[in-house]
Amino acid sequence: MTGTLRVGTRPATPRGLVMPIVGVIDLRSSIVPPSSVLPFFARVSTSDKKVLWYRGDKGVAALQHVGALVGQSAHRQLWPEIAAWLHRIARAGGIP
């Protein structure tokens, strides 16, 4: 987030993101810990941002990072929240 990554001639920073954005955070993740996601979300320019918390599933502990994709509670709780968010954004004209 220091502005050293560039896309063409422009710095790629969270402040440059003005589109709706949703993120999923797993408290147990060592790959993408909350401490790396939350500061990013705090700096994103858009006011339409949502953080969803994935609390894990039994049986996918070894696959923490993909648990949000394949876990039963992810399909029961997380994915419906993501779909509802996308539907709301689409209705508001935020997704082409």
PDB file of N, CA and C in Angstrom:
ATOM      1  N   MET A   1       0.812  -1.186   0.000  1.00  0.00           N
ATOM      2  CA  MET A   1       0.000   0.000   0.000  1.00  0.00           C
ATOM      3  C   MET A   1       0.863   1.259   0.000  1.00  0.00           C
ATOM      4  N   THR A   2       2.114   1.069  -0.345  1.00  0.00           N
ATOM      5  CA  THR A   2       3.028   2.210  -0.342  1.00  0.00           C
ATOM      6  C   THR A   2       3.048   2.956  -1.669  1.00  0.00           C
ATOM      7  N   GLY A   3       2.336   2.428  -2.669  1.00  0.00           N
ATOM      8  CA  GLY A   3       2.287   3.108  -3.957  1.00  0.00           C
ATOM      9  C   GLY A   3       3.427   2.748  -4.879  1.00  0.00           C
ATOM     10  N   THR A   4       4.136   1.662  -4.566  1.00  0.00           N
ATOM     11  CA  THR A   4       5.260   1.277  -5.417  1.00  0.00           C
ATOM     12  C   THR A   4       4.839   0.399  -6.589  1.00  0.00           C
ATOM     13  N   LEU A   5       3.687  -0.262  -6.506  1.00  0.00           N
ATOM     14  CA  LEU A   5       3.185  -1.047  -7.629  1.00  0.00           C
ATOM     15  C   LEU A   5       2.560  -0.095  -8.630  1.00  0.00           C
ATOM     16  N   ARG A   6       2.943  -0.238  -9.891  1.00  0.00           N
ATOM     17  CA  ARG A   6       2.439   0.672 -10.911  1.00  0.00           C
ATOM     18  C   ARG A   6       1.733  -0.121 -12.013  1.00  0.00           C
ATOM     19  N   VAL A   7       0.687   0.450 -12.547  1.00  0.00           N
ATOM     20  CA  VAL A   7       0.001  -0.081 -13.719  1.00  0.00           C
ATOM     21  C   VAL A   7       0.179   0.991 -14.783  1.00  0.00           C
ATOM     22  N   GLY A   8       1.043   0.691 -15.735  1.00  0.00           N
ATOM     23  CA  GLY A   8       1.442   1.723 -16.688  1.00  0.00           C
ATOM     24  C   GLY A   8       2.235   2.770 -15.938  1.00  0.00           C
ATOM     25  N   THR A   9       1.751   3.999 -15.974  1.00  0.00           N
ATOM     26  CA  THR A   9       2.446   5.087 -15.274  1.00  0.00           C
ATOM     27  C   THR A   9       1.781   5.460 -13.959  1.00  0.00           C
ATOM     28  N   ARG A  10       0.661   4.812 -13.652  1.00  0.00           N
ATOM     29  CA  ARG A  10      -0.097   5.177 -12.457  1.00  0.00           C
ATOM     30  C   ARG A  10       0.167   4.218 -11.304  1.00  0.00           C
ATOM     31  N   PRO A  11       0.265   4.743 -10.085  1.00  0.00           N
ATOM     32  CA  PRO A  11       0.418   3.848  -8.930  1.00  0.00           C
ATOM     33  C   PRO A  11      -0.883   3.078  -8.683  1.00  0.00           C
ATOM     34  N   ALA A  12      -0.743   1.806  -8.346  1.00  0.00           N
ATOM     35  CA  ALA A  12      -1.902   0.972  -8.022  1.00  0.00           C
ATOM     36  C   ALA A  12      -2.058   0.988  -6.506  1.00  0.00           C
ATOM     37  N   THR A  13      -3.043   1.731  -6.027  1.00  0.00           N
ATOM     38  CA  THR A  13      -3.266   1.863  -4.590  1.00  0.00           C
ATOM     39  C   THR A  13      -4.734   1.624  -4.272  1.00  0.00           C
ATOM     40  N   PRO A  14      -5.045   1.297  -3.030  1.00  0.00           N
ATOM     41  CA  PRO A  14      -6.452   1.112  -2.652  1.00  0.00           C
ATOM     42  C   PRO A  14      -7.296   2.364  -2.905  1.00  0.00           C
ATOM     43  N   ARG A  15      -6.722   3.526  -2.753  1.00  0.00           N
ATOM     44  CA  ARG A  15      -7.471   4.776  -2.975  1.00  0.00           C
ATOM     45  C   ARG A  15      -7.957   4.892  -4.414  1.00  0.00           C
ATOM     46  N   GLY A  16      -7.307   4.197  -5.324  1.00  0.00           N
ATOM     47  CA  GLY A  16      -7.711   4.233  -6.721  1.00  0.00           C
ATOM     48  C   GLY A  16      -8.919   3.372  -7.034  1.00  0.00           C
ATOM     49  N   LEU A  17      -9.345   2.547  -6.087  1.00  0.00           N
ATOM     50  CA  LEU A  17     -10.496   1.671  -6.313  1.00  0.00           C
ATOM     51  C   LEU A  17     -11.782   2.425  -5.964  1.00  0.00           C
ATOM     52  N   VAL A  18     -12.582   2.665  -6.974  1.00  0.00           N
ATOM     53  CA  VAL A  18     -13.814   3.426  -6.764  1.00  0.00           C
ATOM     54  C   VAL A  18     -15.058   2.589  -7.044  1.00  0.00           C
ATOM     55  N   MET A  19     -14.867   1.348  -7.448  1.00  0.00           N
ATOM     56  CA  MET A  19     -16.006   0.478  -7.746  1.00  0.00           C
ATOM     57  C   MET A  19     -16.448  -0.259  -6.473  1.00  0.00           C
ATOM     58  N   PRO A  20     -17.657  -0.805  -6.473  1.00  0.00           N
ATOM     59  CA  PRO A  20     -18.096  -1.613  -5.320  1.00  0.00           C
ATOM     60  C   PRO A  20     -17.124  -2.782  -5.112  1.00  0.00           C
ATOM     61  N   ILE A  21     -16.874  -3.100  -3.850  1.00  0.00           N
ATOM     62  CA  ILE A  21     -15.930  -4.167  -3.545  1.00  0.00           C
ATOM     63  C   ILE A  21     -16.414  -4.950  -2.321  1.00  0.00           C
ATOM     64  N   VAL A  22     -16.299  -6.265  -2.417  1.00  0.00           N
ATOM     65  CA  VAL A  22     -16.650  -7.142  -1.301  1.00  0.00           C
ATOM     66  C   VAL A  22     -15.434  -8.017  -0.999  1.00  0.00           C
ATOM     67  N   GLY A  23     -15.198  -8.268   0.269  1.00  0.00           N
ATOM     68  CA  GLY A  23     -14.096  -9.125   0.670  1.00  0.00           C
ATOM     69  C   GLY A  23     -14.547 -10.139   1.688  1.00  0.00           C
ATOM     70  N   VAL A  24     -13.914 -11.296   1.644  1.00  0.00           N
ATOM     71  CA  VAL A  24     -14.219 -12.365   2.594  1.00  0.00           C
ATOM     72  C   VAL A  24     -12.981 -12.577   3.456  1.00  0.00           C
ATOM     73  N   ILE A  25     -13.175 -12.538   4.761  1.00  0.00           N
ATOM     74  CA  ILE A  25     -12.065 -12.701   5.690  1.00  0.00           C
ATOM     75  C   ILE A  25     -12.294 -13.943   6.542  1.00  0.00           C
ATOM     76  N   ASP A  26     -11.253 -14.767   6.611  1.00  0.00           N
ATOM     77  CA  ASP A  26     -11.245 -15.940   7.482  1.00  0.00           C
ATOM     78  C   ASP A  26     -10.307 -15.611   8.639  1.00  0.00           C
ATOM     79  N   LEU A  27     -10.841 -15.562   9.849  1.00  0.00           N
ATOM     80  CA  LEU A  27     -10.034 -15.215  11.019  1.00  0.00           C
ATOM     81  C   LEU A  27      -8.826 -16.127  11.200  1.00  0.00           C
ATOM     82  N   ARG A  28      -8.905 -17.350  10.718  1.00  0.00           N
ATOM     83  CA  ARG A  28      -7.845 -18.332  10.925  1.00  0.00           C
ATOM     84  C   ARG A  28      -6.797 -18.320   9.820  1.00  0.00           C
ATOM     85  N   SER A  29      -7.012 -17.565   8.778  1.00  0.00           N
ATOM     86  CA  SER A  29      -6.142 -17.630   7.608  1.00  0.00           C
ATOM     87  C   SER A  29      -4.740 -17.118   7.892  1.00  0.00           C
ATOM     88  N   SER A  30      -3.760 -17.924   7.534  1.00  0.00           N
ATOM     89  CA  SER A  30      -2.374 -17.474   7.601  1.00  0.00           C
ATOM     90  C   SER A  30      -1.907 -17.033   6.213  1.00  0.00           C
ATOM     91  N   ILE A  31      -2.700 -17.330   5.195  1.00  0.00           N
ATOM     92  CA  ILE A  31      -2.360 -16.932   3.825  1.00  0.00           C
ATOM     93  C   ILE A  31      -2.744 -15.470   3.601  1.00  0.00           C
ATOM     94  N   VAL A  32      -3.973 -15.125   3.973  1.00  0.00           N
ATOM     95  CA  VAL A  32      -4.453 -13.736   3.867  1.00  0.00           C
ATOM     96  C   VAL A  32      -5.103 -13.394   5.212  1.00  0.00           C
ATOM     97  N   PRO A  33      -4.297 -13.019   6.190  1.00  0.00           N
ATOM     98  CA  PRO A  33      -4.840 -12.745   7.519  1.00  0.00           C
ATOM     99  C   PRO A  33      -5.651 -11.445   7.542  1.00  0.00           C
ATOM    100  N   PRO A  34      -6.592 -11.348   8.493  1.00  0.00           N
ATOM    101  CA  PRO A  34      -7.383 -10.120   8.609  1.00  0.00           C
ATOM    102  C   PRO A  34      -6.515  -8.866   8.708  1.00  0.00           C
ATOM    103  N   SER A  35      -5.346  -8.991   9.316  1.00  0.00           N
ATOM    104  CA  SER A  35      -4.468  -7.830   9.482  1.00  0.00           C
ATOM    105  C   SER A  35      -3.943  -7.288   8.155  1.00  0.00           C
ATOM    106  N   SER A  36      -4.057  -8.077   7.081  1.00  0.00           N
ATOM    107  CA  SER A  36      -3.650  -7.573   5.770  1.00  0.00           C
ATOM    108  C   SER A  36      -4.853  -7.089   4.957  1.00  0.00           C
ATOM    109  N   VAL A  37      -6.029  -7.586   5.264  1.00  0.00           N
ATOM    110  CA  VAL A  37      -7.223  -7.212   4.493  1.00  0.00           C
ATOM    111  C   VAL A  37      -7.882  -5.944   5.043  1.00  0.00           C
ATOM    112  N   LEU A  38      -8.020  -5.859   6.340  1.00  0.00           N
ATOM    113  CA  LEU A  38      -8.744  -4.731   6.936  1.00  0.00           C
ATOM    114  C   LEU A  38      -8.100  -3.372   6.658  1.00  0.00           C
ATOM    115  N   PRO A  39      -6.772  -3.225   6.736  1.00  0.00           N
ATOM    116  CA  PRO A  39      -6.190  -1.930   6.377  1.00  0.00           C
ATOM    117  C   PRO A  39      -6.420  -1.567   4.906  1.00  0.00           C
ATOM    118  N   PHE A  40      -6.406  -2.573   4.037  1.00  0.00           N
ATOM    119  CA  PHE A  40      -6.703  -2.344   2.623  1.00  0.00           C
ATOM    120  C   PHE A  40      -8.113  -1.784   2.478  1.00  0.00           C
ATOM    121  N   PHE A  41      -9.089  -2.436   3.113  1.00  0.00           N
ATOM    122  CA  PHE A  41     -10.479  -1.985   3.029  1.00  0.00           C
ATOM    123  C   PHE A  41     -10.652  -0.582   3.604  1.00  0.00           C
ATOM    124  N   ALA A  42      -9.896  -0.260   4.630  1.00  0.00           N
ATOM    125  CA  ALA A  42      -9.989   1.074   5.227  1.00  0.00           C
ATOM    126  C   ALA A  42      -9.518   2.155   4.258  1.00  0.00           C
ATOM    127  N   ARG A  43      -8.648   1.796   3.332  1.00  0.00           N
ATOM    128  CA  ARG A  43      -8.084   2.785   2.407  1.00  0.00           C
ATOM    129  C   ARG A  43      -8.781   2.839   1.050  1.00  0.00           C
ATOM    130  N   VAL A  44      -9.664   1.878   0.759  1.00  0.00           N
ATOM    131  CA  VAL A  44     -10.376   1.874  -0.521  1.00  0.00           C
ATOM    132  C   VAL A  44     -11.280   3.098  -0.597  1.00  0.00           C
ATOM    133  N   SER A  45     -11.287   3.752  -1.755  1.00  0.00           N
ATOM    134  CA  SER A  45     -12.034   5.004  -1.902  1.00  0.00           C
ATOM    135  C   SER A  45     -13.551   4.818  -1.952  1.00  0.00           C
ATOM    136  N   THR A  46     -14.013   3.706  -2.462  1.00  0.00           N
ATOM    137  CA  THR A  46     -15.452   3.529  -2.619  1.00  0.00           C
ATOM    138  C   THR A  46     -16.169   3.511  -1.271  1.00  0.00           C
ATOM    139  N   SER A  47     -17.361   4.039  -1.279  1.00  0.00           N
ATOM    140  CA  SER A  47     -18.176   3.968  -0.060  1.00  0.00           C
ATOM    141  C   SER A  47     -18.996   2.682  -0.051  1.00  0.00           C
ATOM    142  N   ASP A  48     -19.046   2.001  -1.194  1.00  0.00           N
ATOM    143  CA  ASP A  48     -19.821   0.764  -1.303  1.00  0.00           C
ATOM    144  C   ASP A  48     -18.881  -0.424  -1.174  1.00  0.00           C
ATOM    145  N   LYS A  49     -18.559  -0.742   0.081  1.00  0.00           N
ATOM    146  CA  LYS A  49     -17.674  -1.868   0.353  1.00  0.00           C
ATOM    147  C   LYS A  49     -18.258  -2.698   1.489  1.00  0.00           C
ATOM    148  N   LYS A  50     -18.014  -3.987   1.411  1.00  0.00           N
ATOM    149  CA  LYS A  50     -18.579  -4.899   2.407  1.00  0.00           C
ATOM    150  C   LYS A  50     -17.543  -5.953   2.750  1.00  0.00           C
ATOM    151  N   VAL A  51     -17.387  -6.197   4.035  1.00  0.00           N
ATOM    152  CA  VAL A  51     -16.517  -7.259   4.524  1.00  0.00           C
ATOM    153  C   VAL A  51     -17.407  -8.356   5.089  1.00  0.00           C
ATOM    154  N   LEU A  52     -17.188  -9.569   4.617  1.00  0.00           N
ATOM    155  CA  LEU A  52     -17.911 -10.735   5.119  1.00  0.00           C
ATOM    156  C   LEU A  52     -16.924 -11.608   5.877  1.00  0.00           C
ATOM    157  N   TRP A  53     -17.375 -12.144   6.991  1.00  0.00           N
ATOM    158  CA  TRP A  53     -16.518 -12.981   7.838  1.00  0.00           C
ATOM    159  C   TRP A  53     -16.877 -14.441   7.636  1.00  0.00           C
ATOM    160  N   TYR A  54     -15.893 -15.228   7.247  1.00  0.00           N
ATOM    161  CA  TYR A  54     -16.063 -16.677   7.113  1.00  0.00           C
ATOM    162  C   TYR A  54     -15.506 -17.323   8.367  1.00  0.00           C
ATOM    163  N   ARG A  55     -16.333 -18.069   9.052  1.00  0.00           N
ATOM    164  CA  ARG A  55     -15.947 -18.632  10.346  1.00  0.00           C
ATOM    165  C   ARG A  55     -15.476 -20.081  10.257  1.00  0.00           C
ATOM    166  N   GLY A  56     -15.378 -20.594   9.071  1.00  0.00           N
ATOM    167  CA  GLY A  56     -14.826 -21.928   8.897  1.00  0.00           C
ATOM    168  C   GLY A  56     -15.880 -23.012   8.839  1.00  0.00           C
ATOM    169  N   ASP A  57     -15.431 -24.179   8.480  1.00  0.00           N
ATOM    170  CA  ASP A  57     -16.264 -25.366   8.346  1.00  0.00           C
ATOM    171  C   ASP A  57     -15.521 -26.551   8.920  1.00  0.00           C
ATOM    172  N   LYS A  58     -16.236 -27.493   9.444  1.00  0.00           N
ATOM    173  CA  LYS A  58     -15.623 -28.741   9.887  1.00  0.00           C
ATOM    174  C   LYS A  58     -15.256 -29.549   8.646  1.00  0.00           C
ATOM    175  N   GLY A  59     -14.104 -30.180   8.713  1.00  0.00           N
ATOM    176  CA  GLY A  59     -13.697 -31.061   7.620  1.00  0.00           C
ATOM    177  C   GLY A  59     -12.876 -30.379   6.544  1.00  0.00           C
ATOM    178  N   VAL A  60     -12.810 -29.053   6.567  1.00  0.00           N
ATOM    179  CA  VAL A  60     -11.986 -28.367   5.564  1.00  0.00           C
ATOM    180  C   VAL A  60     -10.874 -27.567   6.234  1.00  0.00           C
ATOM    181  N   ALA A  61     -10.545 -27.927   7.483  1.00  0.00           N
ATOM    182  CA  ALA A  61      -9.523 -27.186   8.235  1.00  0.00           C
ATOM    183  C   ALA A  61      -8.180 -27.193   7.511  1.00  0.00           C
ATOM    184  N   ALA A  62      -7.844 -28.299   6.871  1.00  0.00           N
ATOM    185  CA  ALA A  62      -6.574 -28.368   6.157  1.00  0.00           C
ATOM    186  C   ALA A  62      -6.579 -27.484   4.919  1.00  0.00           C
ATOM    187  N   LEU A  63      -7.755 -27.120   4.474  1.00  0.00           N
ATOM    188  CA  LEU A  63      -7.896 -26.296   3.278  1.00  0.00           C
ATOM    189  C   LEU A  63      -8.517 -24.951   3.639  1.00  0.00           C
ATOM    190  N   GLN A  64      -7.995 -24.316   4.671  1.00  0.00           N
ATOM    191  CA  GLN A  64      -8.598 -23.079   5.167  1.00  0.00           C
ATOM    192  C   GLN A  64      -8.880 -22.077   4.056  1.00  0.00           C
ATOM    193  N   HIS A  65      -7.940 -21.895   3.179  1.00  0.00           N
ATOM    194  CA  HIS A  65      -8.089 -20.855   2.173  1.00  0.00           C
ATOM    195  C   HIS A  65      -9.200 -21.168   1.169  1.00  0.00           C
ATOM    196  N   VAL A  66      -9.456 -22.440   0.912  1.00  0.00           N
ATOM    197  CA  VAL A  66     -10.525 -22.792  -0.024  1.00  0.00           C
ATOM    198  C   VAL A  66     -11.822 -23.161   0.680  1.00  0.00           C
ATOM    199  N   GLY A  67     -11.802 -23.178   2.006  1.00  0.00           N
ATOM    200  CA  GLY A  67     -13.016 -23.501   2.756  1.00  0.00           C
ATOM    201  C   GLY A  67     -14.165 -22.560   2.418  1.00  0.00           C
ATOM    202  N   ALA A  68     -13.844 -21.301   2.168  1.00  0.00           N
ATOM    203  CA  ALA A  68     -14.882 -20.331   1.810  1.00  0.00           C
ATOM    204  C   ALA A  68     -15.504 -20.637   0.456  1.00  0.00           C
ATOM    205  N   LEU A  69     -14.839 -21.464  -0.329  1.00  0.00           N
ATOM    206  CA  LEU A  69     -15.388 -21.864  -1.622  1.00  0.00           C
ATOM    207  C   LEU A  69     -16.157 -23.176  -1.546  1.00  0.00           C
ATOM    208  N   VAL A  70     -15.665 -24.114  -0.733  1.00  0.00           N
ATOM    209  CA  VAL A  70     -16.221 -25.462  -0.768  1.00  0.00           C
ATOM    210  C   VAL A  70     -16.937 -25.897   0.504  1.00  0.00           C
ATOM    211  N   GLY A  71     -16.809 -25.154   1.577  1.00  0.00           N
ATOM    212  CA  GLY A  71     -17.391 -25.566   2.851  1.00  0.00           C
ATOM    213  C   GLY A  71     -18.908 -25.487   2.881  1.00  0.00           C
ATOM    214  N   GLN A  72     -19.516 -26.343   3.702  1.00  0.00           N
ATOM    215  CA  GLN A  72     -20.979 -26.372   3.810  1.00  0.00           C
ATOM    216  C   GLN A  72     -21.543 -25.067   4.353  1.00  0.00           C
ATOM    217  N   SER A  73     -20.941 -24.527   5.408  1.00  0.00           N
ATOM    218  CA  SER A  73     -21.471 -23.271   5.952  1.00  0.00           C
ATOM    219  C   SER A  73     -21.218 -22.115   4.990  1.00  0.00           C
ATOM    220  N   ALA A  74     -20.153 -22.214   4.209  1.00  0.00           N
ATOM    221  CA  ALA A  74     -19.903 -21.190   3.192  1.00  0.00           C
ATOM    222  C   ALA A  74     -21.042 -21.186   2.175  1.00  0.00           C
ATOM    223  N   HIS A  75     -21.470 -22.363   1.765  1.00  0.00           N
ATOM    224  CA  HIS A  75     -22.566 -22.449   0.794  1.00  0.00           C
ATOM    225  C   HIS A  75     -23.905 -22.085   1.425  1.00  0.00           C
ATOM    226  N   ARG A  76     -24.035 -22.327   2.696  1.00  0.00           N
ATOM    227  CA  ARG A  76     -25.290 -22.050   3.386  1.00  0.00           C
ATOM    228  C   ARG A  76     -25.408 -20.575   3.783  1.00  0.00           C
ATOM    229  N   GLN A  77     -24.294 -19.935   4.164  1.00  0.00           N
ATOM    230  CA  GLN A  77     -24.352 -18.571   4.699  1.00  0.00           C
ATOM    231  C   GLN A  77     -23.583 -17.559   3.857  1.00  0.00           C
ATOM    232  N   LEU A  78     -22.337 -17.848   3.563  1.00  0.00           N
ATOM    233  CA  LEU A  78     -21.468 -16.877   2.905  1.00  0.00           C
ATOM    234  C   LEU A  78     -21.892 -16.592   1.468  1.00  0.00           C
ATOM    235  N   TRP A  79     -22.084 -17.632   0.667  1.00  0.00           N
ATOM    236  CA  TRP A  79     -22.419 -17.426  -0.739  1.00  0.00           C
ATOM    237  C   TRP A  79     -23.772 -16.746  -0.941  1.00  0.00           C
ATOM    238  N   PRO A  80     -24.794 -17.049  -0.146  1.00  0.00           N
ATOM    239  CA  PRO A  80     -26.032 -16.271  -0.288  1.00  0.00           C
ATOM    240  C   PRO A  80     -25.830 -14.781   0.014  1.00  0.00           C
ATOM    241  N   GLU A  81     -24.949 -14.462   0.980  1.00  0.00           N
ATOM    242  CA  GLU A  81     -24.655 -13.053   1.275  1.00  0.00           C
ATOM    243  C   GLU A  81     -23.949 -12.390   0.101  1.00  0.00           C
ATOM    244  N   ILE A  82     -23.004 -13.109  -0.503  1.00  0.00           N
ATOM    245  CA  ILE A  82     -22.297 -12.569  -1.663  1.00  0.00           C
ATOM    246  C   ILE A  82     -23.274 -12.357  -2.815  1.00  0.00           C
ATOM    247  N   ALA A  83     -24.137 -13.344  -3.064  1.00  0.00           N
ATOM    248  CA  ALA A  83     -25.116 -13.228  -4.150  1.00  0.00           C
ATOM    249  C   ALA A  83     -26.069 -12.063  -3.908  1.00  0.00           C
ATOM    250  N   ALA A  84     -26.528 -11.887  -2.683  1.00  0.00           N
ATOM    251  CA  ALA A  84     -27.428 -10.772  -2.366  1.00  0.00           C
ATOM    252  C   ALA A  84     -26.721  -9.441  -2.577  1.00  0.00           C
ATOM    253  N   TRP A  85     -25.456  -9.357  -2.182  1.00  0.00           N
ATOM    254  CA  TRP A  85     -24.684  -8.130  -2.375  1.00  0.00           C
ATOM    255  C   TRP A  85     -24.538  -7.821  -3.861  1.00  0.00           C
ATOM    256  N   LEU A  86     -24.160  -8.838  -4.658  1.00  0.00           N
ATOM    257  CA  LEU A  86     -24.021  -8.649  -6.101  1.00  0.00           C
ATOM    258  C   LEU A  86     -25.346  -8.233  -6.737  1.00  0.00           C
ATOM    259  N   HIS A  87     -26.424  -8.840  -6.294  1.00  0.00           N
ATOM    260  CA  HIS A  87     -27.743  -8.503  -6.841  1.00  0.00           C
ATOM    261  C   HIS A  87     -28.083  -7.040  -6.534  1.00  0.00           C
ATOM    262  N   ARG A  88     -27.808  -6.615  -5.309  1.00  0.00           N
ATOM    263  CA  ARG A  88     -28.081  -5.222  -4.935  1.00  0.00           C
ATOM    264  C   ARG A  88     -27.240  -4.259  -5.769  1.00  0.00           C
ATOM    265  N   ILE A  89     -25.974  -4.573  -5.952  1.00  0.00           N
ATOM    266  CA  ILE A  89     -25.076  -3.713  -6.741  1.00  0.00           C
ATOM    267  C   ILE A  89     -25.548  -3.665  -8.193  1.00  0.00           C
ATOM    268  N   ALA A  90     -25.926  -4.817  -8.740  1.00  0.00           N
ATOM    269  CA  ALA A  90     -26.406  -4.852 -10.115  1.00  0.00           C
ATOM    270  C   ALA A  90     -27.683  -4.024 -10.289  1.00  0.00           C
ATOM    271  N   ARG A  91     -28.604  -4.135  -9.343  1.00  0.00           N
ATOM    272  CA  ARG A  91     -29.842  -3.346  -9.415  1.00  0.00           C
ATOM    273  C   ARG A  91     -29.553  -1.848  -9.354  1.00  0.00           C
ATOM    274  N   ALA A  92     -28.503  -1.499  -8.606  1.00  0.00           N
ATOM    275  CA  ALA A  92     -28.146  -0.087  -8.458  1.00  0.00           C
ATOM    276  C   ALA A  92     -27.327   0.423  -9.654  1.00  0.00           C
ATOM    277  N   GLY A  93     -27.027  -0.476 -10.580  1.00  0.00           N
ATOM    278  CA  GLY A  93     -26.271  -0.071 -11.760  1.00  0.00           C
ATOM    279  C   GLY A  93     -24.765  -0.059 -11.565  1.00  0.00           C
ATOM    280  N   GLY A  94     -24.300  -0.700 -10.504  1.00  0.00           N
ATOM    281  CA  GLY A  94     -22.877  -0.699 -10.207  1.00  0.00           C
ATOM    282  C   GLY A  94     -22.064  -1.757 -10.923  1.00  0.00           C
ATOM    283  N   ILE A  95     -22.736  -2.714 -11.603  1.00  0.00           N
ATOM    284  CA  ILE A  95     -22.045  -3.747 -12.352  1.00  0.00           C
ATOM    285  C   ILE A  95     -22.566  -3.696 -13.775  1.00  0.00           C
ATOM    286  N   PRO A  96     -21.672  -3.509 -14.733  1.00  0.00           N
ATOM    287  CA  PRO A  96     -22.120  -3.429 -16.139  1.00  0.00           C
ATOM    288  C   PRO A  96     -22.676  -4.746 -16.635  1.00  0.00           C
TER     289      PRO A  96
END
